[in-house]
Protein backbone atom coordinates (compact mmCIF):
# COMPACT_ATOMS: atom_id res chain seq x y z
CA UNK A 1 22.99 42.59 -19.40
CA UNK A 2 23.35 44.37 -15.85
CA UNK A 3 26.98 42.89 -15.47
CA UNK A 4 27.74 44.22 -19.02
CA UNK A 5 26.38 47.44 -18.06
CA UNK A 6 28.43 47.58 -14.70
CA UNK A 7 31.52 46.43 -16.26
CA UNK A 8 31.42 49.31 -18.88
CA UNK A 9 30.92 51.66 -16.18
CA UNK A 10 33.68 50.57 -14.37
CA UNK A 11 35.95 50.75 -17.28
CA UNK A 12 34.53 54.19 -18.16
CA UNK A 13 35.39 55.33 -14.49
CA UNK A 14 38.97 54.07 -14.66
CA UNK A 15 39.85 55.34 -18.15
CA UNK A 16 38.13 58.85 -18.16
CA UNK A 17 39.29 59.50 -14.43
CA UNK A 18 35.35 60.18 -13.27
CA UNK A 19 34.48 60.02 -9.85
CA UNK A 20 33.19 56.61 -8.74
CA UNK A 21 30.55 57.62 -6.53
CA UNK A 22 28.44 58.99 -9.29
CA UNK A 23 28.95 56.90 -11.87
CA UNK A 24 28.63 53.68 -10.04
CA UNK A 25 25.78 55.15 -7.43
CA UNK A 26 27.97 54.62 -4.38
CA UNK A 27 27.31 56.50 -1.28
CA UNK A 28 29.79 59.39 -0.27
CA UNK A 29 30.06 59.25 3.28
CA UNK A 30 32.21 62.19 5.48
CA UNK A 31 32.60 62.10 8.83
CA UNK A 32 33.85 65.13 11.02
CA UNK A 33 35.52 63.47 14.10
CA UNK A 34 33.03 61.45 16.16
CA UNK A 35 30.01 64.27 16.01
CA UNK A 36 29.26 64.67 12.49
CA UNK A 37 28.29 62.58 9.38
CA UNK A 38 27.06 63.49 6.11
CA UNK A 39 25.85 61.12 3.67
CA UNK A 40 25.50 61.58 -0.08
CA UNK A 41 23.58 59.35 -2.56
CA UNK A 42 21.34 57.54 -0.12
CA UNK A 43 17.96 56.31 -1.34
CA UNK A 44 15.71 56.29 2.01
CA UNK A 45 15.41 56.41 5.65
CA UNK A 46 14.27 53.00 6.86
CA UNK A 47 14.45 53.74 10.65
CA UNK A 48 15.60 56.64 12.79
CA UNK A 49 16.00 57.11 16.36
CA UNK A 50 18.31 59.22 18.66
CA UNK A 51 20.70 56.09 18.84
CA UNK A 52 20.16 54.21 15.52
CA UNK A 53 19.81 55.34 11.93
CA UNK A 54 19.24 52.54 9.17
CA UNK A 55 19.60 54.05 5.41
CA UNK A 56 19.07 52.06 2.30
CA UNK A 57 21.65 52.79 -0.25
CA UNK A 58 21.66 51.61 -3.79
CA UNK A 59 22.85 48.19 -3.32
CA UNK A 60 23.47 47.90 0.34
CA UNK A 61 22.24 49.31 3.51
CA UNK A 62 24.04 51.25 6.28
CA UNK A 63 23.58 51.36 10.23
CA UNK A 64 24.99 54.05 12.15
CA UNK A 65 24.71 53.61 16.10
CA UNK A 66 25.02 56.64 18.60
CA UNK A 67 23.99 59.05 21.09
CA UNK A 68 21.60 61.94 20.96
CA UNK A 69 21.74 61.49 17.09
CA UNK A 70 19.66 64.30 15.18
CA UNK A 71 18.94 64.53 11.63
CA UNK A 72 20.13 68.67 10.71
CA UNK A 73 19.33 68.54 7.12
CA UNK A 74 17.62 66.08 4.92
CA UNK A 75 17.42 66.67 0.99
CA UNK A 76 16.48 63.63 -1.59
CA UNK A 77 19.83 62.21 -1.76
CA UNK A 78 21.97 63.87 1.26
CA UNK A 79 21.50 63.77 4.84
CA UNK A 80 23.59 65.60 7.70
CA UNK A 81 23.39 63.92 11.22
CA UNK A 82 24.80 65.26 14.38
CA UNK A 83 25.66 63.32 17.55
CA UNK A 84 27.86 60.76 19.02
CA UNK A 85 28.58 58.56 16.35
CA UNK A 86 29.71 55.29 17.86
CA UNK A 87 29.56 52.86 15.21
CA UNK A 88 29.10 52.54 11.34
CA UNK A 89 28.07 49.31 9.57
CA UNK A 90 27.17 48.23 5.82
CA UNK A 91 24.93 45.69 5.41
CA UNK A 92 24.45 43.64 1.83
């Protein structure tokens, strides 16, 4: 049943030209240089230090490595990080 629902959502996105991140529950990640990252559609923070951020997404996980990382804003489905961003990794 999940596969049918997922295929229907993909078809809906393609036919109606709807934003994929909203319909398919995908993260939207915006980086500004190496110093800021804004992430929408995350589920929760798993771990955070000044050099590491580990987020749970709907179907994956996201790890961000850097220096002097600071959470500037955190909302139920949005997070804004500043610092020196070195690496961004998706995990299944």
